[in-house]
Amino acid sequence: MRDLMVTNDPVLLSFVEVLLKGESIDTVVLDQNMSIVEGSIGIFPRRLSVLDEDWCAAARVMRDAGLGEWIKDDG
C-alpha cells in the first residue's frame, strides 16, 4: 500500500474515493478511527492509500480531476 493523499477534509476524501472507484481502483482510508476519536478538531489527517501497482493510475485520475496538488508523492 502507498499513500496517495493526506487530508483533513472529509468531503475531498470522499470525492477522491468515488473518482478512484469509478476507475476500479481500490482504496483504503487510514487513520479514520483516530480522526473520529479526536472529534471535529481536525488535527489528525486521514490518509488515502492504494495498492502500489495502482498508485500511478490513481495519481493520473487525481491530476485529470484537477486535484494534482493533493497527491502525496514521496518517491
N, C-alpha and C. Protein backbone atom coordinates (compact mmCIF):
# COMPACT_ATOMS: atom_id res chain seq x y z
N MET A 1 0.85 -1.18 0.00
CA MET A 1 0.00 0.00 0.00
C MET A 1 0.89 1.24 0.00
N ARG A 2 0.41 2.25 -0.69
CA ARG A 2 1.14 3.52 -0.75
C ARG A 2 0.15 4.65 -0.59
N ASP A 3 0.52 5.62 0.25
CA ASP A 3 -0.35 6.78 0.46
C ASP A 3 -0.45 7.59 -0.82
N LEU A 4 -1.68 7.94 -1.17
CA LEU A 4 -1.92 8.77 -2.34
C LEU A 4 -2.17 10.21 -1.94
N MET A 5 -2.87 10.39 -0.82
CA MET A 5 -3.14 11.75 -0.34
C MET A 5 -3.37 11.74 1.16
N VAL A 6 -3.18 12.90 1.76
CA VAL A 6 -3.41 13.10 3.19
C VAL A 6 -4.24 14.37 3.32
N THR A 7 -5.35 14.27 4.06
CA THR A 7 -6.21 15.44 4.18
C THR A 7 -7.05 15.39 5.46
N ASN A 8 -7.46 16.56 5.90
CA ASN A 8 -8.43 16.68 6.99
C ASN A 8 -9.83 16.92 6.46
N ASP A 9 -9.97 17.03 5.16
CA ASP A 9 -11.24 17.37 4.52
C ASP A 9 -12.02 16.10 4.15
N PRO A 10 -13.07 15.76 4.91
CA PRO A 10 -13.81 14.53 4.63
C PRO A 10 -14.55 14.56 3.29
N VAL A 11 -14.93 15.74 2.82
CA VAL A 11 -15.62 15.84 1.54
C VAL A 11 -14.64 15.54 0.40
N LEU A 12 -13.45 16.11 0.46
CA LEU A 12 -12.42 15.83 -0.55
C LEU A 12 -12.07 14.35 -0.54
N LEU A 13 -11.92 13.80 0.63
CA LEU A 13 -11.59 12.38 0.76
C LEU A 13 -12.65 11.51 0.09
N SER A 14 -13.90 11.78 0.37
CA SER A 14 -15.00 11.02 -0.24
C SER A 14 -15.03 11.20 -1.75
N PHE A 15 -14.79 12.42 -2.21
CA PHE A 15 -14.80 12.70 -3.65
C PHE A 15 -13.72 11.89 -4.36
N VAL A 16 -12.52 11.87 -3.81
CA VAL A 16 -11.42 11.13 -4.43
C VAL A 16 -11.70 9.63 -4.39
N GLU A 17 -12.28 9.15 -3.29
CA GLU A 17 -12.64 7.73 -3.22
C GLU A 17 -13.61 7.36 -4.35
N VAL A 18 -14.61 8.20 -4.60
CA VAL A 18 -15.59 7.94 -5.66
C VAL A 18 -14.92 8.00 -7.04
N LEU A 19 -14.05 8.99 -7.24
CA LEU A 19 -13.32 9.07 -8.52
C LEU A 19 -12.54 7.79 -8.80
N LEU A 20 -11.83 7.33 -7.79
CA LEU A 20 -10.99 6.15 -7.97
C LEU A 20 -11.84 4.89 -8.12
N LYS A 21 -12.93 4.81 -7.39
CA LYS A 21 -13.82 3.66 -7.51
C LYS A 21 -14.37 3.59 -8.93
N GLY A 22 -14.66 4.73 -9.51
CA GLY A 22 -15.14 4.79 -10.89
C GLY A 22 -14.14 4.26 -11.90
N GLU A 23 -12.87 4.24 -11.52
CA GLU A 23 -11.80 3.71 -12.36
C GLU A 23 -11.37 2.32 -11.91
N SER A 24 -12.16 1.72 -11.02
CA SER A 24 -11.89 0.37 -10.47
C SER A 24 -10.57 0.30 -9.70
N ILE A 25 -10.25 1.39 -9.01
CA ILE A 25 -9.06 1.43 -8.16
C ILE A 25 -9.53 1.36 -6.71
N ASP A 26 -9.12 0.29 -6.01
CA ASP A 26 -9.49 0.12 -4.61
C ASP A 26 -8.69 1.06 -3.72
N THR A 27 -9.35 1.57 -2.69
CA THR A 27 -8.70 2.48 -1.75
C THR A 27 -8.91 1.99 -0.32
N VAL A 28 -8.05 2.47 0.55
CA VAL A 28 -8.17 2.22 1.98
C VAL A 28 -7.94 3.55 2.68
N VAL A 29 -8.83 3.92 3.60
CA VAL A 29 -8.65 5.14 4.38
C VAL A 29 -8.02 4.76 5.70
N LEU A 30 -6.83 5.29 5.94
CA LEU A 30 -6.10 5.01 7.18
C LEU A 30 -6.24 6.19 8.13
N ASP A 31 -6.14 5.93 9.40
CA ASP A 31 -6.22 6.93 10.47
C ASP A 31 -7.63 7.47 10.65
N GLN A 32 -8.62 6.81 10.08
CA GLN A 32 -10.00 7.27 10.21
C GLN A 32 -10.47 7.17 11.66
N ASN A 33 -10.12 6.10 12.33
CA ASN A 33 -10.55 5.95 13.73
C ASN A 33 -9.94 7.03 14.62
N MET A 34 -8.70 7.37 14.38
CA MET A 34 -8.05 8.42 15.17
C MET A 34 -8.75 9.76 14.94
N SER A 35 -9.14 10.02 13.71
CA SER A 35 -9.84 11.26 13.41
C SER A 35 -11.18 11.33 14.11
N ILE A 36 -11.86 10.19 14.21
CA ILE A 36 -13.15 10.15 14.90
C ILE A 36 -12.98 10.38 16.39
N VAL A 37 -11.95 9.77 16.97
CA VAL A 37 -11.69 9.90 18.40
C VAL A 37 -11.40 11.35 18.79
N GLU A 38 -10.64 12.06 17.95
CA GLU A 38 -10.27 13.43 18.29
C GLU A 38 -11.42 14.40 18.10
N GLY A 39 -12.52 13.96 17.54
CA GLY A 39 -13.68 14.84 17.38
C GLY A 39 -13.56 15.67 16.12
N SER A 40 -14.06 16.87 16.17
CA SER A 40 -14.07 17.72 14.97
C SER A 40 -12.95 18.75 14.97
N ILE A 41 -11.93 18.53 15.78
CA ILE A 41 -10.81 19.48 15.86
C ILE A 41 -10.02 19.50 14.55
N GLY A 42 -9.86 18.34 13.93
CA GLY A 42 -9.19 18.27 12.63
C GLY A 42 -7.69 18.26 12.69
N ILE A 43 -7.10 17.78 13.78
CA ILE A 43 -5.64 17.78 13.86
C ILE A 43 -5.01 16.49 13.35
N PHE A 44 -5.79 15.43 13.21
CA PHE A 44 -5.27 14.17 12.70
C PHE A 44 -5.82 13.93 11.30
N PRO A 45 -5.00 14.12 10.30
CA PRO A 45 -5.47 13.91 8.93
C PRO A 45 -5.66 12.43 8.62
N ARG A 46 -6.47 12.17 7.64
CA ARG A 46 -6.69 10.81 7.15
C ARG A 46 -5.83 10.60 5.92
N ARG A 47 -5.35 9.36 5.77
CA ARG A 47 -4.54 9.00 4.61
C ARG A 47 -5.35 8.11 3.69
N LEU A 48 -5.34 8.42 2.42
CA LEU A 48 -5.98 7.58 1.42
C LEU A 48 -4.87 6.81 0.72
N SER A 49 -4.94 5.48 0.82
CA SER A 49 -3.89 4.63 0.25
C SER A 49 -4.46 3.73 -0.83
N VAL A 50 -3.59 3.38 -1.76
CA VAL A 50 -3.93 2.46 -2.84
C VAL A 50 -2.81 1.42 -2.95
N LEU A 51 -3.08 0.36 -3.68
CA LEU A 51 -2.04 -0.63 -3.91
C LEU A 51 -0.89 0.02 -4.67
N ASP A 52 0.32 -0.45 -4.41
CA ASP A 52 1.50 0.11 -5.07
C ASP A 52 1.34 0.12 -6.59
N GLU A 53 0.80 -0.97 -7.13
CA GLU A 53 0.68 -1.06 -8.59
C GLU A 53 -0.42 -0.15 -9.15
N ASP A 54 -1.30 0.37 -8.30
CA ASP A 54 -2.37 1.27 -8.73
C ASP A 54 -2.02 2.75 -8.51
N TRP A 55 -0.90 3.02 -7.86
CA TRP A 55 -0.59 4.39 -7.47
C TRP A 55 -0.50 5.34 -8.67
N CYS A 56 0.21 4.96 -9.70
CA CYS A 56 0.38 5.85 -10.87
C CYS A 56 -0.96 6.14 -11.54
N ALA A 57 -1.78 5.12 -11.69
CA ALA A 57 -3.11 5.31 -12.30
C ALA A 57 -3.97 6.20 -11.42
N ALA A 58 -3.90 6.00 -10.11
CA ALA A 58 -4.69 6.81 -9.18
C ALA A 58 -4.22 8.27 -9.21
N ALA A 59 -2.92 8.48 -9.28
CA ALA A 59 -2.39 9.84 -9.36
C ALA A 59 -2.83 10.51 -10.66
N ARG A 60 -2.87 9.75 -11.76
CA ARG A 60 -3.34 10.30 -13.04
C ARG A 60 -4.80 10.72 -12.95
N VAL A 61 -5.62 9.89 -12.30
CA VAL A 61 -7.04 10.23 -12.13
C VAL A 61 -7.17 11.53 -11.35
N MET A 62 -6.39 11.67 -10.29
CA MET A 62 -6.45 12.90 -9.49
C MET A 62 -5.99 14.11 -10.30
N ARG A 63 -4.91 13.97 -11.06
CA ARG A 63 -4.43 15.08 -11.89
C ARG A 63 -5.48 15.47 -12.93
N ASP A 64 -6.09 14.48 -13.54
CA ASP A 64 -7.11 14.74 -14.56
C ASP A 64 -8.32 15.47 -13.97
N ALA A 65 -8.56 15.25 -12.68
CA ALA A 65 -9.69 15.91 -11.99
C ALA A 65 -9.29 17.27 -11.41
N GLY A 66 -8.05 17.69 -11.66
CA GLY A 66 -7.59 18.98 -11.15
C GLY A 66 -7.18 18.94 -9.69
N LEU A 67 -6.86 17.74 -9.21
CA LEU A 67 -6.51 17.59 -7.79
C LEU A 67 -5.04 17.21 -7.60
N GLY A 68 -4.22 17.51 -8.56
CA GLY A 68 -2.81 17.15 -8.50
C GLY A 68 -2.07 17.70 -7.30
N GLU A 69 -2.50 18.83 -6.82
CA GLU A 69 -1.82 19.45 -5.65
C GLU A 69 -1.96 18.60 -4.38
N TRP A 70 -2.95 17.71 -4.36
CA TRP A 70 -3.20 16.89 -3.17
C TRP A 70 -2.44 15.58 -3.18
N ILE A 71 -1.78 15.24 -4.28
CA ILE A 71 -1.08 13.96 -4.39
C ILE A 71 0.14 13.98 -3.49
N LYS A 72 0.25 12.93 -2.69
CA LYS A 72 1.41 12.78 -1.81
C LYS A 72 2.43 11.95 -2.57
N ASP A 73 3.43 12.61 -3.10
CA ASP A 73 4.45 11.92 -3.87
C ASP A 73 5.74 11.89 -3.06
N ASP A 74 5.97 10.75 -2.41
CA ASP A 74 7.14 10.64 -1.58
C ASP A 74 8.22 9.78 -2.23
N GLY A 75 8.20 9.74 -3.51
CA GLY A 75 9.26 8.98 -4.01
C GLY A 75 9.51 8.77 -5.38
